Amino acid sequence: MILTCPECETQYFAEDSTIGESGRTVKCATCGHSWFVGPEGSSAETNPLGAHETYRLKVRERRRRKSRAAALTAWSTTGAALLVVLVGLLAFRGEVVKRWPESASTYAAIGMPVNRFGLEFLDTEAERFFDGTTPILEVRGAVQNIAGRSVSAPLVRVILLDDQGVEVARAFAPVTPSSIPADATAIFAARVENPPFESFELELDLVPADTALAANGS
């Protein structure tokens, strides 16, 4: 008869006489597992599947587990890498926006606006008057350096809006001095000649120093 170890699937050939009429316990020489074999070769641990089929199933299961473990490891590694990148993008968002200004709108959209220039507007005022017969709008104010280090002065952009919030004109004003020490303030003054009659309100923001040149096509 052929005996198959139910633990490791090793097969042995044994004479029927060595098993006896009442059966006996045998031991696998390969893995050391012991099991009882009946007189007809039946095992107390009989597997309804054939030995080869059982082996194939075990191999298939081991491969499935390895594949799953590899997938989990890959996802964990990818997730950890993405987390590191995300933390870096949030922690150093000022530097990110400095290199890629377009990202400022993305940070603002998720509730994390970035002050890319390290400056804040202080008191500002706007005045309308005539220079001879020419109507003038003058916007004056100051900015303070909150970056904790010296920064280069950007331009102040003045945007005039009508009562529907539509832009009707814009102007640029330099900030003086051009290099602003930490915690220091700098001033600006924008002069708009013949401002549109429909201008209802204005907005101020800071833009790179070369913005006016680009806007003029220089």
N, C-alpha and C. Protein backbone atom coordinates (compact mmCIF):
# COMPACT_ATOMS: atom_id res chain seq x y z
N MET A 1 0.84 -1.20 0.00
CA MET A 1 0.00 0.00 0.00
C MET A 1 0.88 1.25 0.00
N ILE A 2 0.28 2.36 -0.42
CA ILE A 2 0.99 3.64 -0.43
C ILE A 2 0.48 4.49 0.72
N LEU A 3 1.40 4.94 1.54
CA LEU A 3 1.05 5.80 2.67
C LEU A 3 1.47 7.24 2.34
N THR A 4 0.60 8.17 2.65
CA THR A 4 0.88 9.59 2.40
C THR A 4 0.83 10.36 3.71
N CYS A 5 1.91 11.02 4.03
CA CYS A 5 1.94 11.83 5.27
C CYS A 5 0.93 12.98 5.12
N PRO A 6 -0.03 13.07 6.03
CA PRO A 6 -1.03 14.15 5.92
C PRO A 6 -0.47 15.53 6.23
N GLU A 7 0.76 15.58 6.73
CA GLU A 7 1.34 16.87 7.10
C GLU A 7 2.17 17.45 5.97
N CYS A 8 3.06 16.65 5.39
CA CYS A 8 3.97 17.17 4.36
C CYS A 8 3.77 16.53 2.99
N GLU A 9 2.83 15.56 2.90
CA GLU A 9 2.47 14.91 1.64
C GLU A 9 3.55 13.96 1.12
N THR A 10 4.56 13.65 1.93
CA THR A 10 5.55 12.66 1.50
C THR A 10 4.89 11.29 1.42
N GLN A 11 5.19 10.55 0.38
CA GLN A 11 4.57 9.24 0.19
C GLN A 11 5.58 8.11 0.41
N TYR A 12 5.04 7.01 0.95
CA TYR A 12 5.87 5.83 1.24
C TYR A 12 5.13 4.59 0.74
N PHE A 13 5.91 3.58 0.36
CA PHE A 13 5.32 2.27 0.03
C PHE A 13 5.56 1.33 1.20
N ALA A 14 4.49 0.66 1.63
CA ALA A 14 4.61 -0.27 2.77
C ALA A 14 3.88 -1.56 2.44
N GLU A 15 4.45 -2.67 2.87
CA GLU A 15 3.76 -3.96 2.72
C GLU A 15 2.56 -3.98 3.65
N ASP A 16 1.47 -4.61 3.19
CA ASP A 16 0.27 -4.70 4.02
C ASP A 16 0.56 -5.39 5.34
N SER A 17 1.49 -6.36 5.30
CA SER A 17 1.78 -7.13 6.51
C SER A 17 2.42 -6.27 7.60
N THR A 18 3.06 -5.16 7.18
CA THR A 18 3.70 -4.32 8.20
C THR A 18 2.68 -3.48 8.96
N ILE A 19 1.51 -3.34 8.40
CA ILE A 19 0.46 -2.56 9.06
C ILE A 19 -0.34 -3.43 10.01
N GLY A 20 -0.54 -4.69 9.61
CA GLY A 20 -1.29 -5.61 10.48
C GLY A 20 -2.78 -5.46 10.32
N GLU A 21 -3.52 -6.39 10.93
CA GLU A 21 -4.97 -6.40 10.80
C GLU A 21 -5.63 -5.29 11.61
N SER A 22 -4.99 -4.86 12.68
CA SER A 22 -5.58 -3.82 13.54
C SER A 22 -5.04 -2.42 13.24
N GLY A 23 -4.12 -2.36 12.28
CA GLY A 23 -3.55 -1.06 11.95
C GLY A 23 -2.42 -0.68 12.90
N ARG A 24 -1.76 0.40 12.58
CA ARG A 24 -0.66 0.83 13.45
C ARG A 24 -0.37 2.31 13.23
N THR A 25 0.34 2.89 14.18
CA THR A 25 0.77 4.29 14.07
C THR A 25 2.11 4.32 13.36
N VAL A 26 2.21 5.17 12.36
CA VAL A 26 3.46 5.32 11.62
C VAL A 26 3.97 6.74 11.77
N LYS A 27 5.24 6.93 11.47
CA LYS A 27 5.88 8.24 11.62
C LYS A 27 6.58 8.62 10.32
N CYS A 28 6.38 9.86 9.91
CA CYS A 28 7.01 10.35 8.68
C CYS A 28 8.49 10.61 8.92
N ALA A 29 9.31 10.04 8.06
CA ALA A 29 10.76 10.23 8.20
C ALA A 29 11.19 11.63 7.77
N THR A 30 10.32 12.32 7.02
CA THR A 30 10.67 13.65 6.53
C THR A 30 10.39 14.75 7.54
N CYS A 31 9.14 14.76 8.06
CA CYS A 31 8.77 15.85 8.97
C CYS A 31 8.56 15.40 10.40
N GLY A 32 8.56 14.09 10.64
CA GLY A 32 8.40 13.61 12.01
C GLY A 32 6.96 13.48 12.47
N HIS A 33 5.99 13.75 11.58
CA HIS A 33 4.58 13.67 11.96
C HIS A 33 4.15 12.21 12.11
N SER A 34 3.36 11.92 13.14
CA SER A 34 2.85 10.56 13.37
C SER A 34 1.36 10.51 13.12
N TRP A 35 0.88 9.42 12.53
CA TRP A 35 -0.56 9.24 12.32
C TRP A 35 -0.88 7.75 12.28
N PHE A 36 -2.14 7.46 12.49
CA PHE A 36 -2.59 6.07 12.54
C PHE A 36 -3.08 5.63 11.17
N VAL A 37 -2.62 4.43 10.77
CA VAL A 37 -3.03 3.85 9.50
C VAL A 37 -3.79 2.56 9.76
N GLY A 38 -4.99 2.43 9.19
CA GLY A 38 -5.80 1.23 9.37
C GLY A 38 -5.30 0.09 8.50
N PRO A 39 -5.90 -1.07 8.65
CA PRO A 39 -5.44 -2.25 7.90
C PRO A 39 -5.60 -2.13 6.40
N GLU A 40 -6.50 -1.29 5.94
CA GLU A 40 -6.69 -1.12 4.50
C GLU A 40 -5.98 0.13 3.98
N GLY A 41 -5.13 0.70 4.82
CA GLY A 41 -4.40 1.90 4.42
C GLY A 41 -5.14 3.17 4.73
N SER A 42 -6.33 3.06 5.39
CA SER A 42 -7.08 4.27 5.75
C SER A 42 -6.38 4.99 6.88
N SER A 43 -6.47 6.29 6.87
CA SER A 43 -5.78 7.11 7.87
C SER A 43 -6.81 7.81 8.74
N ALA A 44 -6.49 7.96 10.02
CA ALA A 44 -7.37 8.70 10.92
C ALA A 44 -7.42 10.16 10.53
N GLU A 45 -6.49 10.59 9.67
CA GLU A 45 -6.44 11.97 9.21
C GLU A 45 -6.63 12.00 7.70
N THR A 46 -7.51 11.12 7.24
CA THR A 46 -7.72 10.98 5.80
C THR A 46 -8.13 12.30 5.18
N ASN A 47 -7.51 12.61 4.08
CA ASN A 47 -7.85 13.81 3.33
C ASN A 47 -8.70 13.39 2.15
N PRO A 48 -9.92 13.90 2.00
CA PRO A 48 -10.77 13.48 0.89
C PRO A 48 -10.17 13.83 -0.47
N LEU A 49 -9.28 14.81 -0.51
CA LEU A 49 -8.62 15.16 -1.75
C LEU A 49 -7.38 14.30 -1.92
N GLY A 50 -6.95 14.10 -3.16
CA GLY A 50 -5.74 13.37 -3.38
C GLY A 50 -4.53 14.14 -2.88
N ALA A 51 -3.43 13.45 -2.68
CA ALA A 51 -2.24 14.08 -2.14
C ALA A 51 -1.72 15.18 -3.06
N HIS A 52 -1.74 14.92 -4.36
CA HIS A 52 -1.24 15.92 -5.30
C HIS A 52 -2.14 17.15 -5.34
N GLU A 53 -3.46 16.90 -5.30
CA GLU A 53 -4.39 18.03 -5.32
C GLU A 53 -4.24 18.87 -4.05
N THR A 54 -4.06 18.18 -2.91
CA THR A 54 -3.86 18.90 -1.65
C THR A 54 -2.60 19.75 -1.70
N TYR A 55 -1.55 19.19 -2.28
CA TYR A 55 -0.29 19.93 -2.40
C TYR A 55 -0.47 21.17 -3.28
N ARG A 56 -1.20 20.98 -4.40
CA ARG A 56 -1.42 22.13 -5.29
C ARG A 56 -2.22 23.22 -4.59
N LEU A 57 -3.20 22.81 -3.79
CA LEU A 57 -4.00 23.80 -3.06
C LEU A 57 -3.14 24.56 -2.06
N LYS A 58 -2.25 23.84 -1.38
CA LYS A 58 -1.38 24.51 -0.41
C LYS A 58 -0.43 25.48 -1.09
N VAL A 59 0.12 25.06 -2.23
CA VAL A 59 1.01 25.95 -2.97
C VAL A 59 0.27 27.19 -3.43
N ARG A 60 -0.97 26.96 -3.93
CA ARG A 60 -1.78 28.09 -4.39
C ARG A 60 -2.08 29.06 -3.25
N GLU A 61 -2.37 28.52 -2.06
CA GLU A 61 -2.67 29.36 -0.91
C GLU A 61 -1.45 30.15 -0.46
N ARG A 62 -0.27 29.48 -0.48
CA ARG A 62 0.96 30.19 -0.10
C ARG A 62 1.24 31.33 -1.07
N ARG A 63 1.03 31.08 -2.37
CA ARG A 63 1.25 32.14 -3.36
C ARG A 63 0.29 33.30 -3.15
N ARG A 64 -0.98 32.94 -2.84
CA ARG A 64 -1.97 34.00 -2.61
C ARG A 64 -1.58 34.86 -1.42
N ARG A 65 -1.12 34.20 -0.35
CA ARG A 65 -0.72 34.95 0.84
C ARG A 65 0.49 35.83 0.56
N LYS A 66 1.46 35.28 -0.19
CA LYS A 66 2.64 36.08 -0.53
C LYS A 66 2.26 37.27 -1.40
N SER A 67 1.37 37.03 -2.37
CA SER A 67 0.93 38.12 -3.25
C SER A 67 0.20 39.20 -2.45
N ARG A 68 -0.64 38.77 -1.52
CA ARG A 68 -1.37 39.74 -0.70
C ARG A 68 -0.41 40.53 0.19
N ALA A 69 0.56 39.81 0.78
CA ALA A 69 1.54 40.49 1.63
C ALA A 69 2.36 41.49 0.83
N ALA A 70 2.74 41.09 -0.41
CA ALA A 70 3.52 42.01 -1.25
C ALA A 70 2.70 43.24 -1.61
N ALA A 71 1.40 43.03 -1.91
CA ALA A 71 0.53 44.16 -2.25
C ALA A 71 0.37 45.10 -1.07
N LEU A 72 0.17 44.52 0.12
CA LEU A 72 0.03 45.35 1.32
C LEU A 72 1.30 46.14 1.60
N THR A 73 2.45 45.48 1.39
CA THR A 73 3.73 46.17 1.61
C THR A 73 3.89 47.32 0.62
N ALA A 74 3.53 47.06 -0.65
CA ALA A 74 3.65 48.11 -1.67
C ALA A 74 2.74 49.29 -1.35
N TRP A 75 1.48 48.98 -0.96
CA TRP A 75 0.55 50.06 -0.63
C TRP A 75 1.01 50.83 0.60
N SER A 76 1.56 50.10 1.58
CA SER A 76 2.04 50.77 2.79
C SER A 76 3.20 51.69 2.48
N THR A 77 4.12 51.20 1.63
CA THR A 77 5.28 52.01 1.25
C THR A 77 4.84 53.24 0.47
N THR A 78 3.91 53.03 -0.48
CA THR A 78 3.42 54.16 -1.27
C THR A 78 2.69 55.17 -0.39
N GLY A 79 1.85 54.65 0.52
CA GLY A 79 1.12 55.54 1.43
C GLY A 79 2.05 56.34 2.31
N ALA A 80 3.11 55.69 2.82
CA ALA A 80 4.06 56.40 3.67
C ALA A 80 4.79 57.48 2.89
N ALA A 81 5.15 57.16 1.63
CA ALA A 81 5.84 58.15 0.80
C ALA A 81 4.94 59.35 0.51
N LEU A 82 3.66 59.06 0.20
CA LEU A 82 2.72 60.15 -0.07
C LEU A 82 2.50 61.01 1.16
N LEU A 83 2.48 60.35 2.33
CA LEU A 83 2.29 61.10 3.58
C LEU A 83 3.46 62.04 3.82
N VAL A 84 4.68 61.55 3.56
CA VAL A 84 5.87 62.39 3.72
C VAL A 84 5.80 63.59 2.78
N VAL A 85 5.40 63.33 1.53
CA VAL A 85 5.29 64.43 0.55
C VAL A 85 4.23 65.43 0.99
N LEU A 86 3.08 64.93 1.47
CA LEU A 86 1.99 65.81 1.89
C LEU A 86 2.42 66.67 3.07
N VAL A 87 3.08 66.05 4.05
CA VAL A 87 3.55 66.81 5.22
C VAL A 87 4.53 67.89 4.77
N GLY A 88 5.42 67.53 3.83
CA GLY A 88 6.38 68.51 3.33
C GLY A 88 5.71 69.67 2.62
N LEU A 89 4.68 69.35 1.81
CA LEU A 89 3.97 70.41 1.09
C LEU A 89 3.25 71.36 2.04
N LEU A 90 2.78 70.83 3.17
CA LEU A 90 2.08 71.68 4.14
C LEU A 90 3.07 72.45 5.00
N ALA A 91 4.12 71.76 5.46
CA ALA A 91 5.07 72.40 6.36
C ALA A 91 5.89 73.48 5.67
N PHE A 92 6.20 73.27 4.39
CA PHE A 92 7.04 74.22 3.66
C PHE A 92 6.26 74.89 2.53
N ARG A 93 4.98 75.17 2.79
CA ARG A 93 4.15 75.73 1.74
C ARG A 93 4.61 77.11 1.29
N GLY A 94 5.27 77.85 2.19
CA GLY A 94 5.79 79.14 1.79
C GLY A 94 6.84 79.01 0.70
N GLU A 95 7.75 78.05 0.87
CA GLU A 95 8.78 77.83 -0.15
C GLU A 95 8.17 77.27 -1.43
N VAL A 96 7.16 76.40 -1.27
CA VAL A 96 6.50 75.84 -2.45
C VAL A 96 5.87 76.94 -3.29
N VAL A 97 5.15 77.85 -2.63
CA VAL A 97 4.49 78.93 -3.35
C VAL A 97 5.51 79.89 -3.95
N LYS A 98 6.63 80.07 -3.27
CA LYS A 98 7.66 80.96 -3.82
C LYS A 98 8.19 80.41 -5.15
N ARG A 99 8.34 79.08 -5.23
CA ARG A 99 8.86 78.48 -6.45
C ARG A 99 7.76 78.27 -7.50
N TRP A 100 6.55 77.96 -7.03
CA TRP A 100 5.42 77.74 -7.94
C TRP A 100 4.26 78.60 -7.48
N PRO A 101 4.23 79.87 -7.88
CA PRO A 101 3.19 80.80 -7.42
C PRO A 101 1.77 80.30 -7.68
N GLU A 102 1.59 79.49 -8.75
CA GLU A 102 0.25 79.02 -9.07
C GLU A 102 -0.34 78.16 -7.96
N SER A 103 0.53 77.58 -7.11
CA SER A 103 0.03 76.71 -6.04
C SER A 103 -0.65 77.49 -4.92
N ALA A 104 -0.49 78.81 -4.89
CA ALA A 104 -1.10 79.62 -3.83
C ALA A 104 -2.61 79.46 -3.82
N SER A 105 -3.22 79.41 -5.01
CA SER A 105 -4.68 79.26 -5.07
C SER A 105 -5.13 77.91 -4.55
N THR A 106 -4.30 76.88 -4.73
CA THR A 106 -4.64 75.55 -4.22
C THR A 106 -4.63 75.54 -2.71
N TYR A 107 -3.59 76.13 -2.11
CA TYR A 107 -3.54 76.20 -0.65
C TYR A 107 -4.72 77.01 -0.11
N ALA A 108 -5.04 78.09 -0.77
CA ALA A 108 -6.16 78.93 -0.31
C ALA A 108 -7.47 78.15 -0.39
N ALA A 109 -7.61 77.31 -1.41
CA ALA A 109 -8.85 76.55 -1.59
C ALA A 109 -9.07 75.54 -0.47
N ILE A 110 -7.99 75.07 0.17
CA ILE A 110 -8.14 74.11 1.27
C ILE A 110 -8.04 74.80 2.62
N GLY A 111 -8.20 76.12 2.62
CA GLY A 111 -8.23 76.86 3.88
C GLY A 111 -6.87 77.11 4.49
N MET A 112 -5.81 77.08 3.68
CA MET A 112 -4.46 77.33 4.18
C MET A 112 -3.78 78.37 3.30
N PRO A 113 -4.26 79.61 3.33
CA PRO A 113 -3.65 80.64 2.50
C PRO A 113 -2.18 80.85 2.87
N VAL A 114 -1.39 81.17 1.87
CA VAL A 114 0.05 81.34 2.06
C VAL A 114 0.44 82.77 1.77
N ASN A 115 1.16 83.39 2.68
CA ASN A 115 1.70 84.73 2.48
C ASN A 115 3.07 84.57 1.82
N ARG A 116 3.07 84.55 0.50
CA ARG A 116 4.29 84.23 -0.23
C ARG A 116 5.35 85.30 -0.13
N PHE A 117 4.98 86.55 0.18
CA PHE A 117 5.96 87.63 0.25
C PHE A 117 6.40 87.94 1.68
N GLY A 118 5.72 87.40 2.67
CA GLY A 118 6.07 87.69 4.06
C GLY A 118 5.74 89.10 4.48
N LEU A 119 4.76 89.73 3.81
CA LEU A 119 4.38 91.11 4.11
C LEU A 119 2.88 91.19 4.39
N GLU A 120 2.52 92.11 5.27
CA GLU A 120 1.11 92.38 5.57
C GLU A 120 0.81 93.85 5.37
N PHE A 121 -0.37 94.13 4.84
CA PHE A 121 -0.79 95.52 4.68
C PHE A 121 -1.12 96.13 6.04
N LEU A 122 -0.67 97.36 6.23
CA LEU A 122 -1.07 98.14 7.40
C LEU A 122 -2.17 99.10 6.94
N ASP A 123 -2.35 100.20 7.62
CA ASP A 123 -3.40 101.15 7.25
C ASP A 123 -3.21 101.65 5.82
N THR A 124 -4.29 101.63 5.07
CA THR A 124 -4.27 102.17 3.71
C THR A 124 -5.39 103.20 3.57
N GLU A 125 -5.20 104.10 2.64
CA GLU A 125 -6.23 105.11 2.40
C GLU A 125 -6.27 105.45 0.92
N ALA A 126 -7.43 105.85 0.46
CA ALA A 126 -7.62 106.25 -0.94
C ALA A 126 -8.21 107.64 -0.98
N GLU A 127 -7.72 108.45 -1.90
CA GLU A 127 -8.18 109.84 -2.01
C GLU A 127 -8.39 110.20 -3.48
N ARG A 128 -9.52 110.87 -3.75
CA ARG A 128 -9.79 111.38 -5.09
C ARG A 128 -9.60 112.90 -5.08
N PHE A 129 -8.96 113.41 -6.11
CA PHE A 129 -8.79 114.86 -6.22
C PHE A 129 -8.49 115.19 -7.69
N PHE A 130 -8.37 116.47 -7.97
CA PHE A 130 -8.05 116.93 -9.33
C PHE A 130 -6.64 117.51 -9.35
N ASP A 131 -5.90 117.15 -10.37
CA ASP A 131 -4.61 117.77 -10.65
C ASP A 131 -4.85 118.67 -11.86
N GLY A 132 -5.18 119.91 -11.58
CA GLY A 132 -5.64 120.79 -12.65
C GLY A 132 -7.05 120.35 -13.03
N THR A 133 -7.19 119.88 -14.25
CA THR A 133 -8.50 119.38 -14.69
C THR A 133 -8.54 117.86 -14.79
N THR A 134 -7.45 117.21 -14.37
CA THR A 134 -7.36 115.75 -14.48
C THR A 134 -7.78 115.09 -13.16
N PRO A 135 -8.79 114.23 -13.18
CA PRO A 135 -9.18 113.53 -11.95
C PRO A 135 -8.12 112.49 -11.59
N ILE A 136 -7.82 112.43 -10.32
CA ILE A 136 -6.77 111.53 -9.81
C ILE A 136 -7.35 110.67 -8.68
N LEU A 137 -6.96 109.41 -8.67
CA LEU A 137 -7.21 108.54 -7.52
C LEU A 137 -5.85 108.13 -6.98
N GLU A 138 -5.59 108.43 -5.72
CA GLU A 138 -4.31 108.07 -5.11
C GLU A 138 -4.57 107.12 -3.95
N VAL A 139 -3.85 106.01 -3.96
CA VAL A 139 -3.97 105.00 -2.90
C VAL A 139 -2.63 104.92 -2.19
N ARG A 140 -2.64 105.14 -0.88
CA ARG A 140 -1.40 105.13 -0.10
C ARG A 140 -1.52 104.13 1.05
N GLY A 141 -0.38 103.64 1.48
CA GLY A 141 -0.40 102.72 2.61
C GLY A 141 0.99 102.22 2.95
N ALA A 142 1.03 101.19 3.78
CA ALA A 142 2.31 100.62 4.21
C ALA A 142 2.16 99.11 4.34
N VAL A 143 3.29 98.43 4.28
CA VAL A 143 3.33 96.99 4.50
C VAL A 143 4.38 96.71 5.57
N GLN A 144 4.18 95.65 6.32
CA GLN A 144 5.13 95.28 7.37
C GLN A 144 5.69 93.90 7.07
N ASN A 145 6.99 93.76 7.30
CA ASN A 145 7.67 92.48 7.09
C ASN A 145 7.41 91.57 8.29
N ILE A 146 6.72 90.46 8.07
CA ILE A 146 6.44 89.50 9.15
C ILE A 146 7.16 88.18 8.90
N ALA A 147 8.10 88.18 7.95
CA ALA A 147 8.78 86.93 7.58
C ALA A 147 9.88 86.54 8.55
N GLY A 148 10.31 87.48 9.39
CA GLY A 148 11.41 87.17 10.30
C GLY A 148 12.78 87.27 9.66
N ARG A 149 12.84 87.77 8.46
CA ARG A 149 14.10 87.95 7.73
C ARG A 149 13.88 89.06 6.71
N SER A 150 14.97 89.54 6.16
CA SER A 150 14.87 90.59 5.15
C SER A 150 14.25 90.02 3.88
N VAL A 151 13.34 90.79 3.28
CA VAL A 151 12.69 90.34 2.04
C VAL A 151 12.77 91.43 0.98
N SER A 152 12.72 91.00 -0.26
CA SER A 152 12.70 91.96 -1.37
C SER A 152 11.28 92.48 -1.55
N ALA A 153 11.19 93.76 -1.84
CA ALA A 153 9.87 94.38 -1.97
C ALA A 153 9.21 93.98 -3.29
N PRO A 154 7.95 93.56 -3.23
CA PRO A 154 7.19 93.30 -4.45
C PRO A 154 6.51 94.58 -4.92
N LEU A 155 5.58 94.46 -5.82
CA LEU A 155 4.73 95.58 -6.22
C LEU A 155 3.37 95.45 -5.53
N VAL A 156 2.74 96.59 -5.33
CA VAL A 156 1.35 96.59 -4.88
C VAL A 156 0.47 96.74 -6.12
N ARG A 157 -0.47 95.83 -6.28
CA ARG A 157 -1.40 95.92 -7.40
C ARG A 157 -2.73 96.48 -6.89
N VAL A 158 -3.19 97.53 -7.53
CA VAL A 158 -4.47 98.16 -7.18
C VAL A 158 -5.47 97.80 -8.27
N ILE A 159 -6.55 97.15 -7.88
CA ILE A 159 -7.59 96.75 -8.83
C ILE A 159 -8.86 97.52 -8.52
N LEU A 160 -9.38 98.24 -9.51
CA LEU A 160 -10.63 98.98 -9.36
C LEU A 160 -11.78 98.13 -9.88
N LEU A 161 -12.86 98.05 -9.10
CA LEU A 161 -14.01 97.23 -9.43
C LEU A 161 -15.26 98.09 -9.52
N ASP A 162 -16.21 97.66 -10.37
CA ASP A 162 -17.48 98.37 -10.40
C ASP A 162 -18.41 97.80 -9.34
N ASP A 163 -19.66 98.23 -9.31
CA ASP A 163 -20.56 97.79 -8.25
C ASP A 163 -21.00 96.34 -8.40
N GLN A 164 -20.60 95.69 -9.51
CA GLN A 164 -20.87 94.27 -9.70
C GLN A 164 -19.64 93.41 -9.40
N GLY A 165 -18.55 94.07 -8.97
CA GLY A 165 -17.33 93.34 -8.68
C GLY A 165 -16.49 93.02 -9.89
N VAL A 166 -16.78 93.67 -11.01
CA VAL A 166 -16.03 93.45 -12.24
C VAL A 166 -14.89 94.45 -12.33
N GLU A 167 -13.69 93.96 -12.68
CA GLU A 167 -12.53 94.84 -12.79
C GLU A 167 -12.71 95.83 -13.93
N VAL A 168 -12.43 97.11 -13.63
CA VAL A 168 -12.54 98.15 -14.66
C VAL A 168 -11.20 98.83 -14.91
N ALA A 169 -10.25 98.67 -14.00
CA ALA A 169 -8.92 99.27 -14.19
C ALA A 169 -7.97 98.68 -13.15
N ARG A 170 -6.67 98.85 -13.44
CA ARG A 170 -5.67 98.41 -12.46
C ARG A 170 -4.44 99.29 -12.58
N ALA A 171 -3.67 99.32 -11.50
CA ALA A 171 -2.43 100.09 -11.47
C ALA A 171 -1.45 99.38 -10.55
N PHE A 172 -0.17 99.71 -10.70
CA PHE A 172 0.87 99.10 -9.88
C PHE A 172 1.65 100.19 -9.16
N ALA A 173 2.08 99.87 -7.94
CA ALA A 173 2.86 100.84 -7.17
C ALA A 173 4.07 100.15 -6.57
N PRO A 174 5.26 100.76 -6.68
CA PRO A 174 6.44 100.18 -6.05
C PRO A 174 6.39 100.36 -4.54
N VAL A 175 7.06 99.46 -3.84
CA VAL A 175 7.19 99.55 -2.38
C VAL A 175 8.58 100.05 -2.06
N THR A 176 8.66 101.01 -1.16
CA THR A 176 9.95 101.61 -0.79
C THR A 176 10.21 101.40 0.70
N PRO A 177 11.42 100.91 1.05
CA PRO A 177 12.59 100.59 0.22
C PRO A 177 12.43 99.25 -0.48
N SER A 178 13.37 98.97 -1.39
CA SER A 178 13.28 97.75 -2.18
C SER A 178 13.66 96.51 -1.39
N SER A 179 14.41 96.69 -0.30
CA SER A 179 14.74 95.59 0.60
C SER A 179 14.22 95.95 1.99
N ILE A 180 13.37 95.08 2.54
CA ILE A 180 12.70 95.40 3.79
C ILE A 180 13.23 94.50 4.90
N PRO A 181 13.90 95.07 5.92
CA PRO A 181 14.41 94.25 7.02
C PRO A 181 13.28 93.59 7.81
N ALA A 182 13.63 92.59 8.59
CA ALA A 182 12.64 91.90 9.41
C ALA A 182 11.94 92.88 10.34
N ASP A 183 10.62 92.76 10.44
CA ASP A 183 9.76 93.57 11.31
C ASP A 183 9.65 95.03 10.88
N ALA A 184 10.35 95.43 9.83
CA ALA A 184 10.30 96.83 9.39
C ALA A 184 9.07 97.06 8.51
N THR A 185 8.77 98.32 8.29
CA THR A 185 7.65 98.69 7.42
C THR A 185 8.17 99.42 6.19
N ALA A 186 7.39 99.37 5.14
CA ALA A 186 7.72 100.07 3.89
C ALA A 186 6.44 100.70 3.37
N ILE A 187 6.58 101.72 2.55
CA ILE A 187 5.41 102.47 2.09
C ILE A 187 5.22 102.33 0.58
N PHE A 188 4.03 102.64 0.15
CA PHE A 188 3.72 102.63 -1.28
C PHE A 188 2.67 103.70 -1.56
N ALA A 189 2.63 104.13 -2.81
CA ALA A 189 1.61 105.09 -3.25
C ALA A 189 1.31 104.83 -4.72
N ALA A 190 0.06 104.57 -5.01
CA ALA A 190 -0.37 104.33 -6.39
C ALA A 190 -1.19 105.51 -6.86
N ARG A 191 -0.91 105.98 -8.06
CA ARG A 191 -1.60 107.15 -8.61
C ARG A 191 -2.29 106.72 -9.90
N VAL A 192 -3.62 106.85 -9.93
CA VAL A 192 -4.40 106.47 -11.10
C VAL A 192 -5.03 107.72 -11.69
N GLU A 193 -4.62 108.06 -12.91
CA GLU A 193 -5.20 109.22 -13.59
C GLU A 193 -6.46 108.80 -14.34
N ASN A 194 -7.45 109.68 -14.29
CA ASN A 194 -8.72 109.42 -14.96
C ASN A 194 -9.31 108.06 -14.60
N PRO A 195 -9.47 107.78 -13.33
CA PRO A 195 -10.06 106.50 -12.95
C PRO A 195 -11.47 106.38 -13.54
N PRO A 196 -11.87 105.21 -13.97
CA PRO A 196 -13.20 105.04 -14.56
C PRO A 196 -14.30 105.55 -13.62
N PHE A 197 -15.25 106.21 -14.22
CA PHE A 197 -16.34 106.76 -13.42
C PHE A 197 -17.09 105.67 -12.67
N GLU A 198 -17.16 104.46 -13.26
CA GLU A 198 -17.93 103.39 -12.64
C GLU A 198 -17.17 102.66 -11.53
N SER A 199 -15.91 103.04 -11.29
CA SER A 199 -15.16 102.36 -10.22
C SER A 199 -15.84 102.61 -8.88
N PHE A 200 -16.14 101.52 -8.19
CA PHE A 200 -16.94 101.58 -6.98
C PHE A 200 -16.13 101.21 -5.74
N GLU A 201 -15.23 100.26 -5.89
CA GLU A 201 -14.37 99.84 -4.79
C GLU A 201 -13.03 99.40 -5.34
N LEU A 202 -12.09 99.14 -4.43
CA LEU A 202 -10.77 98.72 -4.89
C LEU A 202 -10.27 97.56 -4.04
N GLU A 203 -9.37 96.79 -4.62
CA GLU A 203 -8.70 95.69 -3.94
C GLU A 203 -7.20 95.87 -4.07
N LEU A 204 -6.47 95.46 -3.03
CA LEU A 204 -5.02 95.53 -3.05
C LEU A 204 -4.45 94.14 -2.87
N ASP A 205 -3.40 93.85 -3.60
CA ASP A 205 -2.64 92.63 -3.35
C ASP A 205 -1.20 92.85 -3.76
N LEU A 206 -0.36 91.89 -3.45
CA LEU A 206 1.07 91.98 -3.74
C LEU A 206 1.40 91.03 -4.89
N VAL A 207 2.26 91.49 -5.78
CA VAL A 207 2.66 90.69 -6.94
C VAL A 207 4.17 90.84 -7.13
N PRO A 208 4.81 89.90 -7.84
CA PRO A 208 6.25 90.01 -8.08
C PRO A 208 6.62 91.33 -8.74
N ALA A 209 7.85 91.76 -8.49
CA ALA A 209 8.30 93.07 -8.95
C ALA A 209 8.29 93.22 -10.46
N ASP A 210 8.36 92.11 -11.20
CA ASP A 210 8.39 92.20 -12.67
C ASP A 210 7.00 92.08 -13.30
N THR A 211 5.96 92.06 -12.48
CA THR A 211 4.60 91.88 -13.02
C THR A 211 4.20 93.01 -13.95
N ALA A 212 4.50 94.24 -13.58
CA ALA A 212 4.11 95.39 -14.40
C ALA A 212 4.78 95.32 -15.77
N LEU A 213 6.06 94.90 -15.81
CA LEU A 213 6.75 94.79 -17.09
C LEU A 213 6.09 93.73 -17.96
N ALA A 214 5.73 92.59 -17.34
CA ALA A 214 5.08 91.52 -18.09
C ALA A 214 3.72 91.97 -18.61
N ALA A 215 3.01 92.73 -17.79
CA ALA A 215 1.68 93.20 -18.19
C ALA A 215 1.77 94.17 -19.36
N ASN A 216 2.89 94.90 -19.43
CA ASN A 216 3.07 95.88 -20.51
C ASN A 216 3.73 95.26 -21.73
N GLY A 217 4.05 93.95 -21.62
CA GLY A 217 4.66 93.27 -22.76
C GLY A 217 6.11 93.60 -22.96
N SER A 218 6.79 94.09 -21.89
CA SER A 218 8.20 94.46 -22.04
C SER A 218 9.07 93.23 -21.88
